[in-house]
């Protein structure tokens, strides 16, 4: 990663204990394999691969293995969008299909999941049912224009800003970027985020199937080849080292984002009185910035991926962690496991 140091150790911290614990998870059949990277004080102090890229063929995991980043795409899309869009712009001003609405969510609402344009599979109301019927889980073969066209006629679940509810905000932001730039979201992010950070292995779709990790037998991942538009909410594929470069930018070790942009992303952006029950169910003890959840006590921020990947950054300790594994059936369990493991190893070594 150009411009960011790579250290072979972090004095006092035995990061190799993480590999030992993850290898035990692989041996027990709970994990196919994983790549984990640790960033501390601006240097990569640990980057390792354990287990298997293909657990059936017993192909070893490597540090350059590709993973579906899923919702880890959202913070990246946010970082790009903040360079182009104003938070106060109404959705109808970006995507004319929404222009006829009497009540308009803004870019701010879309980035913090308060727009009322919700993921239908996460509720049982009639409005949820209509969203589910329109786009399902979002991994569709619709074009971007078709995706917008199916969402635009639907009612909002709630008034913008009233409630936090996971939704299609980042996909719509990505499509708004395409309307504004006249090109693909991937091309915009390549110029606005990937190239400046040296993220040469990150993009939409699986560029090298031979390096794409496979899950355990009996588990499956979405077929990303079906996608006909670049999903700003869940479409990226990349490596741990690439995502560490993005985390480094959020922690202020790379000049991609101004301090004000980082502050806007990583501090509480929910108004007092916002209904956050949905957020508490997904990320207890967190509030929400732009594209990321922010821990109410520590200020650490994160947003994991449904396929088993996760990351977080703790500015108070200048610590960043990226954990990539394809384990959709155990995603929440593995997210908690790696979090507790890193905390234990870090605290023991200080």
Protein backbone atom coordinates (compact mmCIF):
# COMPACT_ATOMS: atom_id res chain seq x y z
CA UNK A 1 0.00 0.00 0.00
CA UNK A 2 1.82 3.13 -1.15
CA UNK A 3 2.38 5.68 1.58
CA UNK A 4 1.55 3.37 4.49
CA UNK A 5 4.16 1.58 6.54
CA UNK A 6 4.37 -2.18 6.85
CA UNK A 7 5.79 -3.42 10.14
CA UNK A 8 6.60 -7.00 10.97
CA UNK A 9 5.70 -6.66 14.65
CA UNK A 10 4.02 -4.48 17.23
CA UNK A 11 6.11 -4.44 20.38
CA UNK A 12 4.38 -6.21 23.25
CA UNK A 13 1.54 -7.65 21.16
CA UNK A 14 1.71 -11.25 19.98
CA UNK A 15 -0.60 -10.96 17.00
CA UNK A 16 0.24 -14.53 15.95
CA UNK A 17 -2.10 -15.72 18.71
CA UNK A 18 -4.92 -14.65 16.38
CA UNK A 19 -3.69 -17.06 13.71
CA UNK A 20 -3.51 -19.87 16.26
CA UNK A 21 -7.10 -19.29 17.36
CA UNK A 22 -8.41 -19.00 13.80
CA UNK A 23 -6.55 -22.15 12.76
CA UNK A 24 -8.35 -23.98 15.57
CA UNK A 25 -11.67 -22.73 14.15
CA UNK A 26 -10.67 -24.13 10.75
CA UNK A 27 -9.66 -27.47 12.26
CA UNK A 28 -13.01 -27.67 14.07
CA UNK A 29 -14.90 -27.13 10.81
CA UNK A 30 -16.37 -23.80 11.87
CA UNK A 31 -14.43 -21.69 9.36
CA UNK A 32 -13.14 -22.49 5.85
CA UNK A 33 -10.29 -20.01 6.13
CA UNK A 34 -9.72 -16.33 6.63
CA UNK A 35 -7.39 -13.41 6.06
CA UNK A 36 -6.90 -10.97 8.92
CA UNK A 37 -5.06 -7.65 8.87
CA UNK A 38 -4.20 -5.33 11.76
CA UNK A 39 -3.32 -1.66 11.40
CA UNK A 40 -1.80 0.10 14.41
CA UNK A 41 -0.55 3.69 14.47
CA UNK A 42 -0.57 3.81 10.69
CA UNK A 43 1.45 0.64 10.08
CA UNK A 44 0.26 -2.81 9.06
CA UNK A 45 1.51 -4.82 12.02
CA UNK A 46 -0.10 -8.10 11.08
CA UNK A 47 -1.42 -9.62 7.84
CA UNK A 48 -1.96 -13.35 7.63
CA UNK A 49 -3.94 -16.08 5.90
CA UNK A 50 -5.19 -19.21 7.67
CA UNK A 51 -7.09 -22.25 6.48
CA UNK A 52 -8.28 -22.76 2.94
CA UNK A 53 -9.37 -20.66 -0.01
CA UNK A 54 -11.17 -23.79 -1.21
CA UNK A 55 -11.95 -26.07 1.75
CA UNK A 56 -13.03 -29.00 -0.46
CA UNK A 57 -10.02 -28.99 -2.78
CA UNK A 58 -7.80 -28.01 0.19
CA UNK A 59 -6.34 -25.03 -1.65
CA UNK A 60 -4.54 -22.95 0.99
CA UNK A 61 -5.73 -19.47 1.82
CA UNK A 62 -3.40 -16.67 0.66
CA UNK A 63 -3.17 -13.03 1.66
CA UNK A 64 -4.29 -11.92 -1.82
CA UNK A 65 -7.49 -14.00 -1.78
CA UNK A 66 -10.59 -12.16 -2.99
CA UNK A 67 -13.76 -11.93 -0.90
CA UNK A 68 -17.23 -10.56 -1.39
CA UNK A 69 -17.23 -7.46 0.80
CA UNK A 70 -21.05 -7.24 0.85
CA UNK A 71 -22.12 -4.32 3.08
CA UNK A 72 -18.50 -3.34 3.69
CA UNK A 73 -19.13 -1.69 0.32
CA UNK A 74 -21.33 0.94 2.00
CA UNK A 75 -18.57 2.91 3.78
CA UNK A 76 -16.52 2.97 0.56
CA UNK A 77 -19.47 4.27 -1.45
CA UNK A 78 -20.08 6.86 1.27
CA UNK A 79 -16.48 8.07 1.12
CA UNK A 80 -16.78 8.53 -2.63
CA UNK A 81 -20.20 10.16 -2.51
CA UNK A 82 -19.07 12.76 0.03
CA UNK A 83 -16.63 14.03 -2.59
CA UNK A 84 -19.46 14.64 -5.05
CA UNK A 85 -22.87 15.06 -3.39
CA UNK A 86 -24.23 17.55 -0.87
CA UNK A 87 -25.90 16.03 2.20
CA UNK A 88 -28.91 18.34 1.90
CA UNK A 89 -29.77 17.42 -1.70
CA UNK A 90 -33.17 15.76 -2.03
CA UNK A 91 -33.36 12.36 -3.69
CA UNK A 92 -35.71 13.66 -6.40
CA UNK A 93 -33.05 16.13 -7.45
CA UNK A 94 -30.66 13.26 -8.14
CA UNK A 95 -33.03 10.59 -9.42
CA UNK A 96 -36.01 12.25 -11.16
CA UNK A 97 -38.12 9.11 -10.75
CA UNK A 98 -38.55 10.17 -7.11
CA UNK A 99 -39.23 13.84 -7.84
CA UNK A 100 -43.01 13.67 -7.46
CA UNK A 101 -42.93 12.79 -3.77
CA UNK A 102 -44.43 15.31 -1.37
CA UNK A 103 -41.87 14.24 1.26
CA UNK A 104 -38.30 13.85 0.05
CA UNK A 105 -35.45 12.03 1.79
CA UNK A 106 -32.06 13.68 1.40
CA UNK A 107 -28.58 12.36 0.73
CA UNK A 108 -28.08 12.52 4.51
CA UNK A 109 -31.08 10.24 5.05
CA UNK A 110 -29.86 7.76 2.45
CA UNK A 111 -26.38 7.55 3.99
CA UNK A 112 -27.60 7.06 7.56
CA UNK A 113 -30.57 4.71 6.82
CA UNK A 114 -33.31 7.14 7.82
CA UNK A 115 -34.86 7.57 4.35
CA UNK A 116 -37.92 5.32 4.79
CA UNK A 117 -36.85 3.36 1.66
CA UNK A 118 -36.34 0.06 3.42
CA UNK A 119 -35.15 -3.48 2.84
CA UNK A 120 -38.44 -5.37 2.69
CA UNK A 121 -37.16 -8.65 4.07
CA UNK A 122 -36.51 -7.00 7.44
CA UNK A 123 -40.14 -6.53 8.45
CA UNK A 124 -43.66 -7.87 8.09
CA UNK A 125 -45.79 -4.81 7.34
CA UNK A 126 -47.58 -4.30 4.03
CA UNK A 127 -44.96 -1.69 3.09
CA UNK A 128 -42.19 -4.23 3.77
CA UNK A 129 -44.00 -6.75 1.60
CA UNK A 130 -44.16 -4.31 -1.30
CA UNK A 131 -40.43 -3.60 -1.08
CA UNK A 132 -39.66 -7.32 -0.89
CA UNK A 133 -41.80 -7.97 -3.95
CA UNK A 134 -40.11 -5.13 -5.82
CA UNK A 135 -36.42 -5.97 -5.37
CA UNK A 136 -36.15 -8.94 -2.97
CA UNK A 137 -32.81 -8.95 -1.20
CA UNK A 138 -31.31 -6.62 -3.80
CA UNK A 139 -29.12 -9.23 -5.48
CA UNK A 140 -31.13 -9.02 -8.68
CA UNK A 141 -30.62 -9.02 -12.43
CA UNK A 142 -32.34 -5.62 -12.77
CA UNK A 143 -30.52 -2.78 -14.44
CA UNK A 144 -29.90 0.33 -12.36
CA UNK A 145 -32.76 2.14 -14.06
CA UNK A 146 -35.08 -0.82 -13.45
CA UNK A 147 -34.04 -0.94 -9.78
CA UNK A 148 -34.84 2.76 -9.36
CA UNK A 149 -38.08 2.39 -11.29
CA UNK A 150 -39.29 -0.42 -9.04
CA UNK A 151 -38.54 1.49 -5.84
CA UNK A 152 -39.75 4.96 -6.86
CA UNK A 153 -43.54 4.27 -6.73
CA UNK A 154 -43.42 2.65 -3.28
CA UNK A 155 -44.51 4.49 -0.13
CA UNK A 156 -41.98 5.38 2.54
CA UNK A 157 -42.21 3.22 5.65
CA UNK A 158 -41.74 6.35 7.78
CA UNK A 159 -41.03 10.05 7.40
CA UNK A 160 -37.38 10.81 6.56
CA UNK A 161 -35.29 11.16 9.70
CA UNK A 162 -37.95 9.69 11.97
CA UNK A 163 -36.57 6.16 12.26
CA UNK A 164 -33.42 4.16 11.59
CA UNK A 165 -34.24 1.23 9.33
CA UNK A 166 -31.78 -0.61 7.13
CA UNK A 167 -32.58 0.07 3.51
CA UNK A 168 -31.53 0.75 -0.06
CA UNK A 169 -29.98 4.15 0.57
CA UNK A 170 -26.44 3.29 -0.51
CA UNK A 171 -27.58 1.54 -3.68
CA UNK A 172 -29.58 4.64 -4.59
CA UNK A 173 -26.60 6.85 -3.73
CA UNK A 174 -24.45 4.79 -6.08
CA UNK A 175 -26.99 5.14 -8.86
CA UNK A 176 -27.25 8.88 -8.18
CA UNK A 177 -23.47 9.12 -8.57
CA UNK A 178 -23.82 7.40 -11.94
CA UNK A 179 -26.49 9.87 -13.06
CA UNK A 180 -24.30 12.77 -11.93
CA UNK A 181 -21.08 11.51 -13.55
CA UNK A 182 -22.51 9.76 -16.61
CA UNK A 183 -20.43 6.64 -15.94
CA UNK A 184 -20.37 3.50 -13.81
CA UNK A 185 -20.05 3.75 -10.04
CA UNK A 186 -17.03 1.47 -10.26
CA UNK A 187 -15.26 3.93 -12.55
CA UNK A 188 -16.00 6.81 -10.18
CA UNK A 189 -14.79 4.89 -7.11
CA UNK A 190 -11.68 3.79 -8.99
CA UNK A 191 -10.70 7.42 -9.53
CA UNK A 192 -12.04 8.85 -6.25
CA UNK A 193 -11.03 6.10 -3.80
CA UNK A 194 -9.21 3.06 -5.19
CA UNK A 195 -6.38 4.65 -7.16
CA UNK A 196 -5.53 7.28 -4.53
CA UNK A 197 -5.30 4.53 -1.91
CA UNK A 198 -3.56 1.95 -4.06
CA UNK A 199 -6.55 -0.43 -3.84
CA UNK A 200 -5.67 -2.28 -7.03
CA UNK A 201 -7.54 -5.50 -6.12
CA UNK A 202 -10.97 -3.98 -5.35
CA UNK A 203 -13.87 -3.66 -7.76
CA UNK A 204 -17.37 -4.80 -8.63
CA UNK A 205 -17.67 -8.45 -9.53
CA UNK A 206 -15.13 -11.26 -9.32
CA UNK A 207 -12.17 -10.30 -11.49
CA UNK A 208 -10.18 -13.49 -10.81
CA UNK A 209 -12.36 -16.53 -9.97
CA UNK A 210 -9.29 -18.62 -9.12
CA UNK A 211 -8.53 -16.29 -6.18
CA UNK A 212 -12.12 -16.04 -4.96
CA UNK A 213 -12.65 -17.81 -1.62
CA UNK A 214 -15.21 -20.58 -1.34
CA UNK A 215 -17.39 -21.21 1.74
CA UNK A 216 -17.77 -24.47 3.58
CA UNK A 217 -19.85 -27.22 1.91
CA UNK A 218 -23.54 -26.58 2.42
CA UNK A 219 -23.15 -22.79 2.45
CA UNK A 220 -23.50 -20.52 -0.57
CA UNK A 221 -22.80 -16.98 -1.69
CA UNK A 222 -24.77 -14.80 -4.11
CA UNK A 223 -24.00 -15.16 -7.79
CA UNK A 224 -22.40 -11.76 -8.39
CA UNK A 225 -22.30 -12.37 -12.13
CA UNK A 226 -26.06 -11.68 -12.23
CA UNK A 227 -25.52 -8.03 -11.31
CA UNK A 228 -26.27 -5.54 -14.10
CA UNK A 229 -25.37 -2.46 -12.11
CA UNK A 230 -22.68 -1.61 -9.56
CA UNK A 231 -24.32 -2.02 -6.18
CA UNK A 232 -23.14 0.78 -3.90
CA UNK A 233 -24.61 -1.14 -0.99
CA UNK A 234 -23.13 -4.61 -1.43
CA UNK A 235 -21.31 -5.20 -4.71
CA UNK A 236 -17.59 -4.87 -4.04
CA UNK A 237 -15.05 -7.68 -4.07
CA UNK A 238 -11.59 -7.11 -2.66
CA UNK A 239 -8.68 -8.14 -0.47
CA UNK A 240 -7.84 -7.54 3.17
CA UNK A 241 -4.79 -5.45 2.35
CA UNK A 242 -6.83 -3.19 0.09
CA UNK A 243 -9.47 -2.63 2.75
CA UNK A 244 -6.77 -1.88 5.32
CA UNK A 245 -5.75 1.03 3.07
CA UNK A 246 -9.31 2.35 3.27
CA UNK A 247 -9.35 1.95 7.06
CA UNK A 248 -6.04 3.83 7.20
CA UNK A 249 -7.67 6.73 5.36
CA UNK A 250 -10.50 6.82 7.89
CA UNK A 251 -7.96 6.86 10.72
CA UNK A 252 -6.18 9.81 9.15
CA UNK A 253 -3.08 8.04 7.87
CA UNK A 254 -3.86 8.60 4.19
CA UNK A 255 -4.85 11.95 2.61
CA UNK A 256 -7.89 10.73 0.68
CA UNK A 257 -10.49 12.21 3.06
CA UNK A 258 -10.38 15.56 4.81
CA UNK A 259 -10.77 15.56 8.61
CA UNK A 260 -14.23 17.06 8.19
CA UNK A 261 -15.29 14.22 5.86
CA UNK A 262 -14.03 11.62 8.34
CA UNK A 263 -15.82 13.42 11.15
CA UNK A 264 -19.08 13.45 9.20
CA UNK A 265 -18.82 9.71 8.55
CA UNK A 266 -17.70 8.56 11.98
CA UNK A 267 -19.70 10.59 14.50
CA UNK A 268 -23.37 10.43 15.46
CA UNK A 269 -25.59 11.82 12.69
CA UNK A 270 -28.96 10.79 14.13
CA UNK A 271 -31.16 13.53 15.53
CA UNK A 272 -32.38 13.34 19.09
CA UNK A 273 -35.62 11.39 19.20
CA UNK A 274 -34.86 9.16 16.19
CA UNK A 275 -36.34 5.69 16.69
CA UNK A 276 -33.23 3.47 16.81
CA UNK A 277 -34.79 0.15 17.78
CA UNK A 278 -33.81 -1.38 14.45
CA UNK A 279 -30.22 -0.27 14.89
CA UNK A 280 -30.09 -1.64 18.44
CA UNK A 281 -31.22 -5.02 17.12
CA UNK A 282 -28.47 -5.08 14.50
CA UNK A 283 -25.66 -3.32 16.41
CA UNK A 284 -26.36 -2.98 20.14
CA UNK A 285 -24.85 0.08 21.88
CA UNK A 286 -24.24 1.84 18.57
CA UNK A 287 -25.50 5.00 16.94
CA UNK A 288 -24.97 5.82 13.27
CA UNK A 289 -22.76 8.18 11.29
CA UNK A 290 -22.68 8.10 7.48
CA UNK A 291 -22.23 4.58 6.14
CA UNK A 292 -20.95 3.26 9.48
CA UNK A 293 -22.25 2.39 12.94
CA UNK A 294 -20.47 4.15 15.79
CA UNK A 295 -20.10 2.67 19.28
CA UNK A 296 -21.71 4.95 21.83
CA UNK A 297 -18.97 4.46 24.45
CA UNK A 298 -15.70 3.92 22.59
CA UNK A 299 -16.25 5.83 19.34
CA UNK A 300 -15.08 2.81 17.33
CA UNK A 301 -16.91 2.41 14.03
CA UNK A 302 -17.75 -0.46 11.70
CA UNK A 303 -20.17 -2.02 9.24
CA UNK A 304 -19.77 -5.75 8.51
CA UNK A 305 -20.69 -7.92 5.53
CA UNK A 306 -23.34 -10.62 5.39
CA UNK A 307 -20.95 -13.09 3.77
CA UNK A 308 -18.80 -13.27 6.91
CA UNK A 309 -16.48 -10.29 6.50
CA UNK A 310 -16.03 -7.49 9.01
CA UNK A 311 -13.80 -4.56 9.93
CA UNK A 312 -13.61 -1.87 12.55
CA UNK A 313 -11.53 1.15 13.44
CA UNK A 314 -10.87 2.43 16.95
CA UNK A 315 -9.52 6.00 16.73
CA UNK A 316 -8.85 6.20 20.48
CA UNK A 317 -6.26 3.43 20.12
CA UNK A 318 -5.37 4.17 16.49
CA UNK A 319 -6.24 0.57 15.71
CA UNK A 320 -7.86 -0.90 12.60
CA UNK A 321 -8.87 -4.50 11.93
CA UNK A 322 -10.00 -6.23 8.74
CA UNK A 323 -11.27 -9.82 8.86
CA UNK A 324 -12.32 -11.53 5.64
CA UNK A 325 -13.95 -14.96 5.54
CA UNK A 326 -16.73 -16.52 3.51
CA UNK A 327 -18.88 -17.96 6.28
CA UNK A 328 -22.42 -16.63 5.73
CA UNK A 329 -24.04 -19.18 8.05
CA UNK A 330 -21.83 -18.14 10.96
CA UNK A 331 -21.28 -14.50 10.09
CA UNK A 332 -22.53 -12.98 13.35
CA UNK A 333 -20.78 -15.60 15.43
CA UNK A 334 -17.48 -15.09 13.63
CA UNK A 335 -17.79 -11.30 13.81
CA UNK A 336 -18.12 -11.56 17.59
CA UNK A 337 -15.33 -14.15 17.80
CA UNK A 338 -12.75 -12.07 15.94
CA UNK A 339 -13.72 -8.96 17.91
CA UNK A 340 -13.23 -10.66 21.26
CA UNK A 341 -10.02 -12.30 20.05
CA UNK A 342 -8.41 -9.06 18.87
CA UNK A 343 -9.40 -7.27 22.07
CA UNK A 344 -7.90 -10.03 24.21
CA UNK A 345 -4.63 -10.17 22.26
CA UNK A 346 -4.28 -6.38 22.11
CA UNK A 347 -5.05 -5.82 25.79
CA UNK A 348 -2.73 -8.63 26.90
CA UNK A 349 0.16 -7.08 25.01
CA UNK A 350 -0.19 -3.48 26.22
